[in-house]
Amino acid sequence: MHIEKRKQGQNTKYYLSHSYRVGKKTKKIRHYLGLNLTEKEIEERREDAEKEIEQQIQAKTDLLKFSLKRKEIEKLNEYDREIEVVHLDVAGWKAFTEKFVFNTNAIEGSMVSPEEVHDLLSHNEEATNSDEIEALNVAKAVDFIQNTDEELSLELIRKLHRICFDGSKKFAGNLRDVEVVIRNAYGEVVHRGIPKEEIENELVELSDWYNDNANDLKPLVLAALVHNQFEYIHPFEDGNGRVGRLLLNYVLLRHDYPPINILFEDRGRYYRCLQQYSGEDKLEDTLEFLVEQYQKGV
C-alpha cells in the first residue's frame, strides 16, 4: 500500500492506494485520507485506512477475471428465481438433443437443417460430410454430459472437443498452438483469445475455480461464468462455441438444472453478451439472455 497525492488547485488530496490481482487484471482500491495533511496526520490515519482496505478486499468474491462484493453476487443470484426447474423424460431429452444439435451447429455455420438433424439422429443415417459428422458427434457429446460423473477438468474439456470433432477436424481434442482472433460481420476484431502459452494454465485455473466455488454460487451464475470464461480463453483452433455451450449445460446438469438451448436466431444477442463479459466484465446481460432462452423452451 502506498500514499497517493492529487493536486486540486492550491490543495492536495491524500489517498492510501492498494493494487491487487484478480485473474490477469490488476484492481486498485483507494481510501481517501484527507486534504492538505501533514506527515504526522497521514501516519495517524494510515492504520485505520489499511484495515478498511483489507476488509473491502475480503468482502469481495473473485469471479475468475473480476471480483464483486457480496451484495453484487446476491443480485446476480436473483436471476435463478426466474427459472422453473423441470426434469426431462426420455422423449424430452430426444427433443432437446435434436434442437440443441441443430442450433449449436447452425450458430457456427453448419448447413444441416432441423429435418436433416432429425433423420440423422432418428434413423442412424450415415454422415456424408463434415457438417453431418459434427451433428452426430454433438449428439454424442450431449449424451456424455448427461451421464458423466467426471469433475470439470482440463481433460474433460479436451474430451468434449474430441467427441465433437472426431473425424471432422485433425486437431480434435488438442489445444491450439496458434493465436486466434474473433471478428464481427464487418471484419473488425471483437476478441483475441489468450496467448497460446497460457491456455493450459488458464483451463486448469477455470476448473479449479469451479470445483472450489460450486456450492457458493447459484447454478445459473456458475454455468454462465464457466461458459463465458471458456469463450474468453478460446482454447481451441476451432469449435470453441460448441464446446462452450456444452460446458454451460454440463454445469447446469451437475446442479440438477434443466439444459438450455441457445437459439440460432438469437446468435447476435448471444455474441453481444460475450463481448460485454470479455470487454467490460459484465455478467448481467448473459444471465438475462439465458433466462430468456429458458423461457423460450428447451
Protein backbone atom coordinates (compact mmCIF):
# COMPACT_ATOMS: atom_id res chain seq x y z
CA MET A 1 0.00 0.00 0.00
CA HIS A 2 1.26 3.46 -0.79
CA ILE A 3 0.27 7.11 -0.44
CA GLU A 4 -1.07 8.93 -3.49
CA LYS A 5 -1.27 12.71 -3.80
CA ARG A 6 -3.68 14.56 -6.06
CA LYS A 7 -3.38 18.27 -6.68
CA GLN A 8 -6.62 20.25 -6.81
CA GLY A 9 -5.84 23.92 -7.32
CA GLN A 10 -3.87 25.06 -4.27
CA ASN A 11 -4.87 21.97 -2.30
CA THR A 12 -3.56 18.42 -2.12
CA LYS A 13 -5.72 15.38 -1.51
CA TYR A 14 -4.13 12.29 0.05
CA TYR A 15 -5.17 8.67 -0.56
CA LEU A 16 -3.95 5.28 0.62
CA SER A 17 -3.81 3.13 -2.51
CA HIS A 18 -3.51 -0.63 -2.89
CA SER A 19 -3.25 -2.71 -6.09
CA TYR A 20 -4.05 -6.44 -6.25
CA ARG A 21 -4.52 -9.07 -8.93
CA VAL A 22 -7.78 -10.74 -10.00
CA GLY A 23 -7.02 -13.26 -12.73
CA LYS A 24 -4.96 -11.34 -15.28
CA LYS A 25 -6.28 -7.93 -14.29
CA THR A 26 -4.93 -5.52 -11.73
CA LYS A 27 -7.53 -3.95 -9.45
CA LYS A 28 -6.95 -0.85 -7.33
CA ILE A 29 -8.61 0.36 -4.13
CA ARG A 30 -8.14 3.93 -2.93
CA HIS A 31 -9.07 5.19 0.52
CA TYR A 32 -9.35 8.95 0.99
CA LEU A 33 -7.24 10.20 3.92
CA GLY A 34 -7.84 13.94 3.84
CA LEU A 35 -6.88 17.34 2.48
CA ASN A 36 -3.53 19.16 2.99
CA LEU A 37 -2.31 16.67 5.59
CA THR A 38 0.97 16.78 7.47
CA GLU A 39 3.21 13.70 7.57
CA LYS A 40 2.06 13.06 11.14
CA GLU A 41 -1.63 13.22 10.17
CA ILE A 42 -1.03 10.84 7.28
CA GLU A 43 0.59 8.28 9.57
CA GLU A 44 -2.17 8.64 12.15
CA ARG A 45 -4.85 7.91 9.57
CA ARG A 46 -2.99 5.24 7.64
CA GLU A 47 -3.53 2.32 10.08
CA ASP A 48 -7.33 2.63 10.03
CA ALA A 49 -7.28 3.05 6.25
CA GLU A 50 -5.24 -0.13 5.82
CA LYS A 51 -7.77 -2.08 7.89
CA GLU A 52 -10.66 -0.72 5.81
CA ILE A 53 -8.94 -1.66 2.56
CA GLU A 54 -8.29 -5.19 3.82
CA GLN A 55 -11.95 -5.52 4.78
CA GLN A 56 -13.01 -4.32 1.34
CA ILE A 57 -10.85 -6.94 -0.36
CA GLN A 58 -12.14 -9.71 1.91
CA ALA A 59 -15.72 -8.61 1.22
CA LYS A 60 -15.24 -9.25 -2.49
CA THR A 61 -15.62 -12.60 -4.21
CA ASP A 62 -13.25 -13.42 -7.04
CA LEU A 63 -15.16 -14.42 -10.17
CA LEU A 64 -12.35 -15.56 -12.45
CA LYS A 65 -11.41 -12.35 -14.30
CA PHE A 66 -13.07 -9.87 -11.94
CA SER A 67 -14.41 -9.61 -8.41
CA LEU A 68 -17.70 -8.49 -6.91
CA LYS A 69 -18.98 -7.52 -3.50
CA ARG A 70 -21.33 -9.88 -1.69
CA LYS A 71 -24.37 -7.67 -2.44
CA GLU A 72 -23.48 -7.73 -6.13
CA ILE A 73 -23.23 -11.54 -6.02
CA GLU A 74 -26.64 -11.72 -4.35
CA LYS A 75 -28.09 -9.59 -7.13
CA LEU A 76 -26.69 -11.93 -9.78
CA ASN A 77 -28.04 -14.95 -7.89
CA GLU A 78 -31.55 -13.49 -8.09
CA TYR A 79 -31.74 -14.42 -11.78
CA ASP A 80 -32.14 -18.05 -10.68
CA ARG A 81 -35.55 -17.25 -9.22
CA GLU A 82 -36.94 -16.80 -12.72
CA ILE A 83 -36.13 -20.38 -13.72
CA GLU A 84 -38.59 -23.23 -13.42
CA VAL A 85 -36.61 -26.37 -12.61
CA VAL A 86 -38.06 -29.25 -14.63
CA HIS A 87 -36.60 -32.64 -15.43
CA LEU A 88 -36.69 -34.10 -18.92
CA ASP A 89 -38.01 -37.57 -19.61
CA VAL A 90 -36.66 -39.75 -22.44
CA ALA A 91 -38.82 -38.01 -25.06
CA GLY A 92 -37.84 -34.62 -23.66
CA TRP A 93 -34.14 -35.42 -23.93
CA LYS A 94 -34.58 -36.64 -27.51
CA ALA A 95 -36.33 -33.39 -28.47
CA PHE A 96 -33.78 -31.26 -26.64
CA THR A 97 -30.84 -33.06 -28.27
CA GLU A 98 -32.21 -32.55 -31.78
CA LYS A 99 -32.85 -28.84 -31.17
CA PHE A 100 -29.50 -28.33 -29.47
CA VAL A 101 -27.57 -30.12 -32.23
CA PHE A 102 -29.24 -28.00 -34.92
CA ASN A 103 -28.89 -24.66 -33.14
CA THR A 104 -25.38 -25.01 -31.72
CA ASN A 105 -24.00 -26.14 -35.09
CA ALA A 106 -26.00 -23.59 -37.09
CA ILE A 107 -24.55 -20.79 -34.93
CA GLU A 108 -21.13 -21.89 -36.23
CA GLY A 109 -22.21 -22.05 -39.89
CA SER A 110 -23.44 -25.64 -40.31
CA MET A 111 -25.81 -26.14 -43.25
CA VAL A 112 -27.59 -29.17 -41.76
CA SER A 113 -31.31 -28.39 -41.42
CA PRO A 114 -33.53 -29.35 -38.46
CA GLU A 115 -35.15 -32.03 -40.62
CA GLU A 116 -31.77 -33.47 -41.58
CA VAL A 117 -30.70 -33.48 -37.91
CA HIS A 118 -33.86 -35.43 -37.06
CA ASP A 119 -33.18 -38.01 -39.79
CA LEU A 120 -29.51 -38.37 -38.83
CA LEU A 121 -30.30 -38.95 -35.15
CA SER A 122 -33.52 -40.96 -35.53
CA HIS A 123 -32.71 -43.24 -38.44
CA ASN A 124 -28.98 -43.84 -37.91
CA GLU A 125 -28.18 -42.33 -41.29
CA GLU A 126 -24.59 -42.29 -42.50
CA ALA A 127 -22.84 -38.92 -42.38
CA THR A 128 -21.76 -37.76 -45.84
CA ASN A 129 -19.84 -34.57 -44.95
CA SER A 130 -18.15 -32.81 -42.04
CA ASP A 131 -21.32 -30.89 -41.04
CA GLU A 132 -23.22 -34.17 -40.67
CA ILE A 133 -20.32 -35.80 -38.80
CA GLU A 134 -20.35 -32.91 -36.33
CA ALA A 135 -24.14 -33.17 -35.93
CA LEU A 136 -23.81 -36.82 -34.90
CA ASN A 137 -20.81 -36.02 -32.70
CA VAL A 138 -22.51 -33.18 -30.84
CA ALA A 139 -25.40 -35.53 -30.08
CA LYS A 140 -22.86 -37.94 -28.55
CA ALA A 141 -21.42 -35.05 -26.52
CA VAL A 142 -24.90 -34.19 -25.18
CA ASP A 143 -25.30 -37.81 -24.08
CA PHE A 144 -21.87 -37.64 -22.46
CA ILE A 145 -22.60 -34.56 -20.33
CA GLN A 146 -25.97 -36.02 -19.39
CA ASN A 147 -24.41 -39.16 -17.95
CA THR A 148 -20.86 -38.37 -16.87
CA ASP A 149 -19.74 -38.25 -13.24
CA GLU A 150 -16.41 -36.62 -14.15
CA GLU A 151 -15.35 -33.42 -12.39
CA LEU A 152 -14.64 -30.39 -14.51
CA SER A 153 -11.01 -30.58 -15.59
CA LEU A 154 -8.63 -29.85 -18.44
CA GLU A 155 -9.04 -33.46 -19.61
CA LEU A 156 -12.84 -33.26 -19.60
CA ILE A 157 -12.72 -30.07 -21.70
CA ARG A 158 -10.38 -31.72 -24.19
CA LYS A 159 -12.59 -34.82 -24.22
CA LEU A 160 -15.65 -32.75 -25.15
CA HIS A 161 -13.76 -31.21 -28.07
CA ARG A 162 -12.54 -34.65 -29.15
CA ILE A 163 -16.08 -36.09 -29.09
CA CYS A 164 -17.45 -33.14 -31.10
CA PHE A 165 -14.84 -33.12 -33.83
CA ASP A 166 -13.53 -36.67 -34.15
CA GLY A 167 -13.45 -37.39 -37.87
CA SER A 168 -14.00 -33.79 -38.97
CA LYS A 169 -11.06 -31.81 -37.58
CA LYS A 170 -7.49 -33.09 -37.40
CA PHE A 171 -6.87 -31.16 -34.17
CA ALA A 172 -9.82 -32.69 -32.31
CA GLY A 173 -9.06 -32.68 -28.59
CA ASN A 174 -5.85 -30.65 -28.93
CA LEU A 175 -5.32 -27.17 -27.51
CA ARG A 176 -4.41 -24.61 -30.13
CA ASP A 177 -0.78 -23.79 -30.91
CA VAL A 178 -1.66 -20.63 -32.85
CA GLU A 179 -3.03 -17.24 -31.86
CA VAL A 180 -6.68 -16.55 -32.70
CA VAL A 181 -8.93 -13.51 -33.08
CA ILE A 182 -12.70 -13.27 -33.39
CA ARG A 183 -14.09 -10.84 -35.94
CA ASN A 184 -17.60 -9.48 -36.42
CA ALA A 185 -19.54 -9.35 -39.69
CA TYR A 186 -17.59 -6.22 -40.67
CA GLY A 187 -14.21 -7.86 -40.20
CA GLU A 188 -13.49 -5.95 -37.00
CA VAL A 189 -11.64 -7.77 -34.21
CA VAL A 190 -14.01 -8.10 -31.26
CA HIS A 191 -11.94 -10.50 -29.16
CA ARG A 192 -8.47 -12.02 -29.03
CA GLY A 193 -8.01 -15.44 -27.48
CA ILE A 194 -5.43 -15.50 -24.71
CA PRO A 195 -1.80 -16.26 -25.72
CA LYS A 196 -1.37 -19.94 -26.60
CA GLU A 197 1.31 -20.41 -23.93
CA GLU A 198 -1.20 -19.56 -21.20
CA ILE A 199 -4.10 -21.78 -22.32
CA GLU A 200 -3.40 -24.90 -20.28
CA ASN A 201 -2.86 -22.99 -17.03
CA GLU A 202 -6.00 -20.92 -17.62
CA LEU A 203 -8.15 -24.01 -18.17
CA VAL A 204 -6.75 -25.62 -15.04
CA GLU A 205 -7.48 -22.40 -13.14
CA LEU A 206 -11.03 -22.33 -14.54
CA SER A 207 -11.62 -25.94 -13.46
CA ASP A 208 -10.15 -25.38 -10.01
CA TRP A 209 -12.21 -22.23 -9.55
CA TYR A 210 -15.42 -24.05 -10.46
CA ASN A 211 -14.69 -27.01 -8.20
CA ASP A 212 -13.88 -24.64 -5.32
CA ASN A 213 -16.97 -22.46 -5.79
CA ALA A 214 -19.58 -24.99 -6.94
CA ASN A 215 -21.54 -24.68 -3.70
CA ASP A 216 -21.18 -20.93 -3.16
CA LEU A 217 -23.00 -19.53 -6.20
CA LYS A 218 -26.33 -20.28 -7.81
CA PRO A 219 -26.18 -22.76 -10.72
CA LEU A 220 -27.09 -20.24 -13.42
CA VAL A 221 -24.33 -17.86 -12.30
CA LEU A 222 -21.81 -20.71 -12.13
CA ALA A 223 -22.75 -22.01 -15.56
CA ALA A 224 -22.65 -18.54 -17.13
CA LEU A 225 -19.24 -17.81 -15.65
CA VAL A 226 -17.73 -21.13 -16.76
CA HIS A 227 -19.14 -20.69 -20.27
CA ASN A 228 -18.10 -17.05 -20.68
CA GLN A 229 -14.63 -17.58 -19.25
CA PHE A 230 -14.10 -20.57 -21.53
CA GLU A 231 -15.05 -18.44 -24.54
CA TYR A 232 -12.77 -15.67 -23.27
CA ILE A 233 -9.84 -18.13 -23.17
CA HIS A 234 -10.78 -19.60 -26.59
CA PRO A 235 -8.50 -22.62 -26.15
CA PHE A 236 -9.07 -24.44 -29.44
CA GLU A 237 -8.25 -23.51 -33.01
CA ASP A 238 -11.93 -24.00 -33.87
CA GLY A 239 -15.02 -25.38 -32.13
CA ASN A 240 -14.90 -23.19 -29.02
CA GLY A 241 -18.54 -22.13 -29.31
CA ARG A 242 -19.90 -25.65 -29.34
CA VAL A 243 -17.69 -26.86 -26.51
CA GLY A 244 -18.56 -23.74 -24.50
CA ARG A 245 -22.29 -24.34 -24.87
CA LEU A 246 -21.81 -27.96 -23.83
CA LEU A 247 -19.90 -26.77 -20.74
CA LEU A 248 -22.76 -24.40 -19.95
CA ASN A 249 -25.11 -27.38 -19.87
CA TYR A 250 -22.62 -29.63 -18.11
CA VAL A 251 -22.62 -27.24 -15.14
CA LEU A 252 -26.42 -26.84 -15.15
CA LEU A 253 -26.95 -30.60 -15.20
CA ARG A 254 -24.48 -31.21 -12.37
CA HIS A 255 -26.64 -28.91 -10.24
CA ASP A 256 -29.86 -30.64 -11.24
CA TYR A 257 -30.98 -27.79 -13.51
CA PRO A 258 -32.53 -28.38 -16.94
CA PRO A 259 -30.34 -27.96 -20.02
CA ILE A 260 -30.56 -24.80 -22.08
CA ASN A 261 -30.71 -24.38 -25.84
CA ILE A 262 -29.26 -21.16 -27.28
CA LEU A 263 -31.21 -20.47 -30.45
CA PHE A 264 -29.58 -19.82 -33.81
CA GLU A 265 -31.96 -16.90 -34.37
CA ASP A 266 -30.63 -15.21 -31.21
CA ARG A 267 -26.95 -15.57 -32.04
CA GLY A 268 -26.44 -11.79 -32.45
CA ARG A 269 -27.58 -11.10 -28.91
CA TYR A 270 -25.56 -14.07 -27.68
CA TYR A 271 -22.36 -12.66 -29.18
CA ARG A 272 -23.04 -9.24 -27.67
CA CYS A 273 -23.36 -10.83 -24.23
CA LEU A 274 -19.96 -12.47 -24.66
CA GLN A 275 -18.45 -9.13 -25.68
CA GLN A 276 -19.94 -7.47 -22.59
CA TYR A 277 -18.19 -10.07 -20.46
CA SER A 278 -14.81 -10.06 -22.19
CA GLY A 279 -14.62 -6.30 -22.63
CA GLU A 280 -16.48 -4.88 -19.63
CA ASP A 281 -16.57 -7.67 -17.01
CA LYS A 282 -20.37 -7.67 -17.14
CA LEU A 283 -22.34 -10.85 -16.49
CA GLU A 284 -25.85 -9.42 -16.15
CA ASP A 285 -26.56 -9.41 -19.89
CA THR A 286 -25.60 -13.07 -20.15
CA LEU A 287 -27.84 -14.06 -17.23
CA GLU A 288 -30.77 -12.09 -18.66
CA PHE A 289 -30.22 -13.74 -22.03
CA LEU A 290 -30.06 -17.26 -20.56
CA VAL A 291 -33.30 -16.72 -18.63
CA GLU A 292 -34.96 -15.64 -21.89
CA GLN A 293 -33.65 -18.73 -23.66
CA TYR A 294 -35.07 -20.90 -20.89
CA GLN A 295 -38.43 -19.17 -21.25
CA LYS A 296 -38.45 -19.95 -24.97
CA GLY A 297 -38.27 -23.62 -24.02
CA VAL A 298 -35.79 -26.43 -24.48
